[in-house]
C-alpha atoms as a PDB file:
ATOM      1  CA  MET A   1     186.908  87.746  73.106  1.00  0.00           C
ATOM      2  CA  HIS A   2     189.905  85.421  73.681  1.00  0.00           C
ATOM      3  CA  SER A   3     193.357  86.261  72.320  1.00  0.00           C
ATOM      4  CA  ASP A   4     194.926  83.995  69.576  1.00  0.00           C
ATOM      5  CA  SER A   5     197.707  82.964  71.883  1.00  0.00           C
ATOM      6  CA  ASP A   6     195.096  81.948  74.419  1.00  0.00           C
ATOM      7  CA  ILE A   7     193.227  79.950  71.945  1.00  0.00           C
ATOM      8  CA  LEU A   8     196.366  78.226  70.562  1.00  0.00           C
ATOM      9  CA  TYR A   9     197.511  77.318  74.067  1.00  0.00           C
ATOM     10  CA  GLY A  10     194.131  76.044  74.829  1.00  0.00           C
ATOM     11  CA  LEU A  11     193.834  73.910  71.866  1.00  0.00           C
ATOM     12  CA  LYS A  12     197.232  72.227  72.537  1.00  0.00           C
ATOM     13  CA  ALA A  13     196.339  71.611  76.150  1.00  0.00           C
ATOM     14  CA  SER A  14     194.732  68.473  77.777  1.00  0.00           C
ATOM     15  CA  TYR A  15     191.550  66.969  76.273  1.00  0.00           C
ATOM     16  CA  LYS A  16     189.340  68.663  78.790  1.00  0.00           C
ATOM     17  CA  GLU A  17     190.760  72.211  78.248  1.00  0.00           C
ATOM     18  CA  ARG A  18     191.017  71.565  74.499  1.00  0.00           C
ATOM     19  CA  SER A  19     187.336  70.718  74.407  1.00  0.00           C
ATOM     20  CA  CYS A  20     186.416  73.973  76.127  1.00  0.00           C
ATOM     21  CA  TYR A  21     188.698  76.175  73.807  1.00  0.00           C
ATOM     22  CA  GLU A  22     187.232  74.252  70.806  1.00  0.00           C
ATOM     23  CA  LYS A  23     184.025  75.718  71.846  1.00  0.00           C
ATOM     24  CA  ILE A  24     185.309  79.087  72.524  1.00  0.00           C
ATOM     25  CA  LEU A  25     186.831  79.123  68.994  1.00  0.00           C
ATOM     26  CA  TYR A  26     183.591  77.849  67.421  1.00  0.00           C
ATOM     27  CA  ASP A  27     181.683  80.608  69.248  1.00  0.00           C
ATOM     28  CA  GLN A  28     183.962  83.404  68.675  1.00  0.00           C
ATOM     29  CA  TYR A  29     183.549  83.277  64.875  1.00  0.00           C
ATOM     30  CA  ILE A  30     180.023  81.827  64.556  1.00  0.00           C
ATOM     31  CA  TYR A  31     178.869  84.900  62.648  1.00  0.00           C
ATOM     32  CA  PHE A  32     180.683  83.580  59.643  1.00  0.00           C
ATOM     33  CA  ILE A  33     177.528  81.432  59.183  1.00  0.00           C
ATOM     34  CA  ASP A  34     175.440  84.565  58.490  1.00  0.00           C
ATOM     35  CA  GLU A  35     178.096  85.940  56.243  1.00  0.00           C
ATOM     36  CA  GLY A  36     178.082  82.496  54.266  1.00  0.00           C
ATOM     37  CA  CYS A  37     174.400  82.923  53.756  1.00  0.00           C
ATOM     38  CA  ARG A  38     174.623  86.536  52.837  1.00  0.00           C
ATOM     39  CA  LYS A  39     177.792  86.807  50.777  1.00  0.00           C
ATOM     40  CA  TYR A  40     177.776  83.447  48.946  1.00  0.00           C
ATOM     41  CA  HIS A  41     174.042  82.803  48.903  1.00  0.00           C
ATOM     42  CA  LEU A  42     174.218  79.492  50.679  1.00  0.00           C
ATOM     43  CA  THR A  43     171.342  78.124  52.642  1.00  0.00           C
ATOM     44  CA  TYR A  44     171.610  78.160  56.411  1.00  0.00           C
ATOM     45  CA  ASP A  45     172.375  74.481  56.596  1.00  0.00           C
ATOM     46  CA  ASP A  46     175.090  74.691  54.000  1.00  0.00           C
ATOM     47  CA  SER A  47     176.850  77.657  55.597  1.00  0.00           C
ATOM     48  CA  PHE A  48     176.531  76.052  59.044  1.00  0.00           C
ATOM     49  CA  SER A  49     178.023  72.863  57.551  1.00  0.00           C
ATOM     50  CA  ALA A  50     180.833  74.785  55.930  1.00  0.00           C
ATOM     51  CA  TYR A  51     181.475  76.696  59.124  1.00  0.00           C
ATOM     52  CA  SER A  52     181.515  73.504  61.355  1.00  0.00           C
ATOM     53  CA  ASP A  53     184.026  71.777  58.932  1.00  0.00           C
ATOM     54  CA  THR A  54     186.226  74.941  58.921  1.00  0.00           C
ATOM     55  CA  VAL A  55     186.434  74.813  62.694  1.00  0.00           C
ATOM     56  CA  PHE A  56     186.933  71.055  62.693  1.00  0.00           C
ATOM     57  CA  SER A  57     189.635  71.458  60.008  1.00  0.00           C
ATOM     58  CA  SER A  58     191.382  74.381  61.832  1.00  0.00           C
ATOM     59  CA  VAL A  59     191.621  72.699  65.244  1.00  0.00           C
ATOM     60  CA  HIS A  60     193.021  69.548  63.566  1.00  0.00           C
ATOM     61  CA  ASN A  61     195.641  71.660  61.872  1.00  0.00           C
ATOM     62  CA  ILE A  62     196.565  73.832  64.955  1.00  0.00           C
ATOM     63  CA  VAL A  63     196.631  70.596  67.038  1.00  0.00           C
ATOM     64  CA  ASN A  64     199.004  68.819  64.642  1.00  0.00           C
ATOM     65  CA  GLY A  65     201.308  71.895  63.974  1.00  0.00           C
ATOM     66  CA  HIS A  66     200.100  72.764  60.564  1.00  0.00           C
ATOM     67  CA  PHE A  67     199.169  76.267  61.581  1.00  0.00           C
ATOM     68  CA  ASP A  68     202.324  78.351  61.226  1.00  0.00           C
ATOM     69  CA  GLY A  69     200.983  81.504  62.948  1.00  0.00           C
ATOM     70  CA  ARG A  70     201.824  83.781  59.895  1.00  0.00           C
ATOM     71  CA  SER A  71     198.188  85.175  60.247  1.00  0.00           C
ATOM     72  CA  SER A  72     195.580  85.549  62.896  1.00  0.00           C
ATOM     73  CA  ILE A  73     193.351  82.694  63.613  1.00  0.00           C
ATOM     74  CA  LYS A  74     190.500  84.821  62.419  1.00  0.00           C
ATOM     75  CA  THR A  75     192.058  85.218  59.012  1.00  0.00           C
ATOM     76  CA  TYR A  76     193.089  81.514  58.781  1.00  0.00           C
ATOM     77  CA  LEU A  77     189.659  80.365  59.693  1.00  0.00           C
ATOM     78  CA  TYR A  78     188.038  82.846  57.154  1.00  0.00           C
ATOM     79  CA  GLN A  79     190.405  81.616  54.498  1.00  0.00           C
ATOM     80  CA  ILE A  80     189.294  77.995  54.961  1.00  0.00           C
ATOM     81  CA  PHE A  81     185.654  78.987  55.306  1.00  0.00           C
ATOM     82  CA  PHE A  82     185.697  80.925  52.164  1.00  0.00           C
ATOM     83  CA  ASN A  83     187.310  77.992  50.284  1.00  0.00           C
ATOM     84  CA  LYS A  84     184.516  75.871  51.608  1.00  0.00           C
ATOM     85  CA  CYS A  85     181.821  78.336  50.608  1.00  0.00           C
ATOM     86  CA  ILE A  86     183.233  78.462  47.175  1.00  0.00           C
ATOM     87  CA  ASP A  87     183.326  74.621  46.835  1.00  0.00           C
ATOM     88  CA  LEU A  88     179.645  74.483  47.825  1.00  0.00           C
ATOM     89  CA  VAL A  89     178.760  77.082  45.214  1.00  0.00           C
ATOM     90  CA  ARG A  90     180.560  75.293  42.792  1.00  0.00           C
ATOM     91  CA  LYS A  91     179.051  72.088  43.551  1.00  0.00           C
ATOM     92  CA  ASN A  92     175.517  73.741  43.455  1.00  0.00           C
ATOM     93  CA  THR A  93     176.128  75.363  39.984  1.00  0.00           C
ATOM     94  CA  THR A  94     178.017  72.795  37.816  1.00  0.00           C
ATOM     95  CA  ASN A  95     176.593  71.335  34.900  1.00  0.00           C
ATOM     96  CA  LYS A  96     176.547  67.991  36.534  1.00  0.00           C
ATOM     97  CA  GLN A  97     173.930  69.267  39.041  1.00  0.00           C
ATOM     98  CA  GLN A  98     171.927  70.791  36.141  1.00  0.00           C
ATOM     99  CA  VAL A  99     171.666  67.387  34.328  1.00  0.00           C
ATOM    100  CA  HIS A 100     169.700  66.106  37.308  1.00  0.00           C
ATOM    101  CA  LYS A 101     167.025  68.859  37.304  1.00  0.00           C
ATOM    102  CA  THR A 102     164.027  67.295  35.561  1.00  0.00           C
ATOM    103  CA  MET A 103     160.392  67.983  35.763  1.00  0.00           C
ATOM    104  CA  PRO A 104     159.297  67.623  39.343  1.00  0.00           C
ATOM    105  CA  VAL A 105     157.315  64.500  40.003  1.00  0.00           C
ATOM    106  CA  PRO A 106     154.310  66.275  41.323  1.00  0.00           C
ATOM    107  CA  GLU A 107     154.052  68.008  38.007  1.00  0.00           C
ATOM    108  CA  ILE A 108     154.318  64.783  36.151  1.00  0.00           C
ATOM    109  CA  LEU A 109     151.684  63.204  38.539  1.00  0.00           C
ATOM    110  CA  ASN A 110     149.262  66.011  37.936  1.00  0.00           C
ATOM    111  CA  GLN A 111     149.006  65.055  34.459  1.00  0.00           C
ATOM    112  CA  LEU A 112     147.869  61.542  35.177  1.00  0.00           C
ATOM    113  CA  PRO A 113     144.204  60.292  36.077  1.00  0.00           C
ATOM    114  CA  ASP A 114     143.509  60.023  39.783  1.00  0.00           C
ATOM    115  CA  SER A 115     143.518  56.132  39.905  1.00  0.00           C
ATOM    116  CA  ALA A 116     146.991  56.175  38.164  1.00  0.00           C
ATOM    117  CA  LYS A 117     148.327  58.793  40.208  1.00  0.00           C
ATOM    118  CA  SER A 118     147.746  57.142  43.698  1.00  0.00           C
ATOM    119  CA  VAL A 119     149.469  53.920  42.242  1.00  0.00           C
ATOM    120  CA  ILE A 120     152.453  55.767  40.995  1.00  0.00           C
ATOM    121  CA  GLU A 121     152.719  57.672  44.412  1.00  0.00           C
ATOM    122  CA  ARG A 122     152.526  54.518  46.322  1.00  0.00           C
ATOM    123  CA  LEU A 123     155.106  52.809  44.161  1.00  0.00           C
ATOM    124  CA  LEU A 124     157.303  55.943  44.582  1.00  0.00           C
ATOM    125  CA  ASN A 125     157.186  55.994  48.280  1.00  0.00           C
ATOM    126  CA  ASN A 126     157.730  52.212  48.610  1.00  0.00           C
ATOM    127  CA  GLU A 127     160.744  52.515  46.269  1.00  0.00           C
ATOM    128  CA  LEU A 128     162.271  55.357  48.165  1.00  0.00           C
ATOM    129  CA  LYS A 129     161.603  53.798  51.534  1.00  0.00           C
ATOM    130  CA  ALA A 130     163.394  50.685  50.504  1.00  0.00           C
ATOM    131  CA  LYS A 131     166.395  52.472  49.058  1.00  0.00           C
ATOM    132  CA  VAL A 132     166.649  54.266  52.294  1.00  0.00           C
ATOM    133  CA  LYS A 133     166.479  51.255  54.434  1.00  0.00           C
ATOM    134  CA  ALA A 134     169.021  49.330  52.333  1.00  0.00           C
ATOM    135  CA  HIS A 135     171.556  52.192  52.510  1.00  0.00           C
ATOM    136  CA  LEU A 136     170.998  53.263  56.055  1.00  0.00           C
ATOM    137  CA  ASN A 137     173.212  50.400  57.199  1.00  0.00           C
ATOM    138  CA  ASN A 138     176.018  51.465  54.857  1.00  0.00           C
ATOM    139  CA  ILE A 139     176.570  54.937  56.305  1.00  0.00           C
ATOM    140  CA  GLY A 140     177.954  53.727  59.644  1.00  0.00           C
ATOM    141  CA  GLU A 141     176.677  52.961  62.997  1.00  0.00           C
ATOM    142  CA  LYS A 142     176.936  56.473  64.433  1.00  0.00           C
ATOM    143  CA  CYS A 143     175.029  57.952  61.417  1.00  0.00           C
ATOM    144  CA  LYS A 144     172.395  55.380  61.501  1.00  0.00           C
ATOM    145  CA  GLU A 145     171.745  56.001  65.317  1.00  0.00           C
ATOM    146  CA  VAL A 146     171.705  59.705  65.030  1.00  0.00           C
ATOM    147  CA  LEU A 147     169.188  59.692  62.003  1.00  0.00           C
ATOM    148  CA  LEU A 148     166.899  57.003  63.652  1.00  0.00           C
ATOM    149  CA  MET A 149     166.770  59.138  66.822  1.00  0.00           C
ATOM    150  CA  TYR A 150     166.014  62.129  64.845  1.00  0.00           C
ATOM    151  CA  GLU A 151     163.372  60.316  62.946  1.00  0.00           C
ATOM    152  CA  ASP A 152     161.735  59.273  66.236  1.00  0.00           C
ATOM    153  CA  GLY A 153     161.388  62.858  67.105  1.00  0.00           C
ATOM    154  CA  LEU A 154     164.204  63.547  69.437  1.00  0.00           C
ATOM    155  CA  THR A 155     165.752  66.971  69.252  1.00  0.00           C
ATOM    156  CA  ASP A 156     169.494  67.702  68.607  1.00  0.00           C
ATOM    157  CA  LYS A 157     169.958  68.504  72.227  1.00  0.00           C
ATOM    158  CA  GLU A 158     168.374  65.286  73.202  1.00  0.00           C
ATOM    159  CA  ILE A 159     170.496  63.314  71.075  1.00  0.00           C
ATOM    160  CA  ALA A 160     173.489  65.081  72.181  1.00  0.00           C
ATOM    161  CA  GLU A 161     172.762  64.039  75.718  1.00  0.00           C
ATOM    162  CA  ALA A 162     171.701  60.463  74.919  1.00  0.00           C
ATOM    163  CA  LEU A 163     175.013  59.933  72.927  1.00  0.00           C
ATOM    164  CA  SER A 164     177.307  62.013  74.866  1.00  0.00           C
ATOM    165  CA  TYR A 165     178.102  64.518  72.154  1.00  0.00           C
ATOM    166  CA  ASN A 166     179.459  67.856  73.299  1.00  0.00           C
ATOM    167  CA  ASN A 167     176.461  70.113  72.336  1.00  0.00           C
ATOM    168  CA  ALA A 168     173.390  70.132  69.963  1.00  0.00           C
ATOM    169  CA  ALA A 169     175.527  72.051  67.284  1.00  0.00           C
ATOM    170  CA  VAL A 170     177.760  68.848  66.830  1.00  0.00           C
ATOM    171  CA  VAL A 171     174.814  66.662  66.550  1.00  0.00           C
ATOM    172  CA  LYS A 172     173.326  69.035  63.916  1.00  0.00           C
ATOM    173  CA  THR A 173     176.606  68.882  61.955  1.00  0.00           C
ATOM    174  CA  THR A 174     176.886  65.064  62.230  1.00  0.00           C
ATOM    175  CA  ARG A 175     173.125  64.714  61.267  1.00  0.00           C
ATOM    176  CA  LEU A 176     173.424  66.944  58.110  1.00  0.00           C
ATOM    177  CA  ARG A 177     176.505  65.080  57.002  1.00  0.00           C
ATOM    178  CA  CYS A 178     174.836  61.870  57.618  1.00  0.00           C
ATOM    179  CA  ILE A 179     171.685  63.055  55.672  1.00  0.00           C
ATOM    180  CA  GLU A 180     174.106  64.066  52.818  1.00  0.00           C
ATOM    181  CA  LYS A 181     175.826  60.580  52.852  1.00  0.00           C
ATOM    182  CA  LEU A 182     172.354  58.735  52.569  1.00  0.00           C
ATOM    183  CA  ARG A 183     171.239  61.238  50.125  1.00  0.00           C
ATOM    184  CA  GLU A 184     174.338  60.450  47.839  1.00  0.00           C
ATOM    185  CA  LYS A 185     173.847  56.627  48.222  1.00  0.00           C
ATOM    186  CA  VAL A 186     170.178  56.701  47.538  1.00  0.00           C
ATOM    187  CA  MET A 187     170.447  58.844  44.646  1.00  0.00           C
ATOM    188  CA  VAL A 188     172.920  56.497  42.713  1.00  0.00           C
END
């Protein structure tokens, strides 16, 4: 367990040392992810995303002098994490989300004759593929590259090595954000 002063010093040091202390900070409070799942009933991926965003925001604020040190780093991180979790809970429970909950396509398809069902399924798959391809170019080159490599079967660790990311966790966070970006564009 590293002290707050060690972490603050490390995050304000040279790039190489800063990267090391970013990982230390990330690893030191990684148990927040499980707490997000348990306490806020988030999926692991949502809680992981909230935690990764928290660490990213905290490092940015510390490096840029926005952390005033009136609380411990743990308290500071937890407050940001709490806010991000609450934002996710709100996002998942708003009326806007409820409007989009319609009868699932498989249930509708089950009500059709077999010949019509297969035609509808092919049309839906082709339409979705076309939408994804069209929007893949609009989400940024890094996102496109990460998603295509993942689609080709590479693991997060392999993608991290190929694209020179710090570790697989960073790739996973990037991938999840890219998927969310793509999902938002496709669902419009």
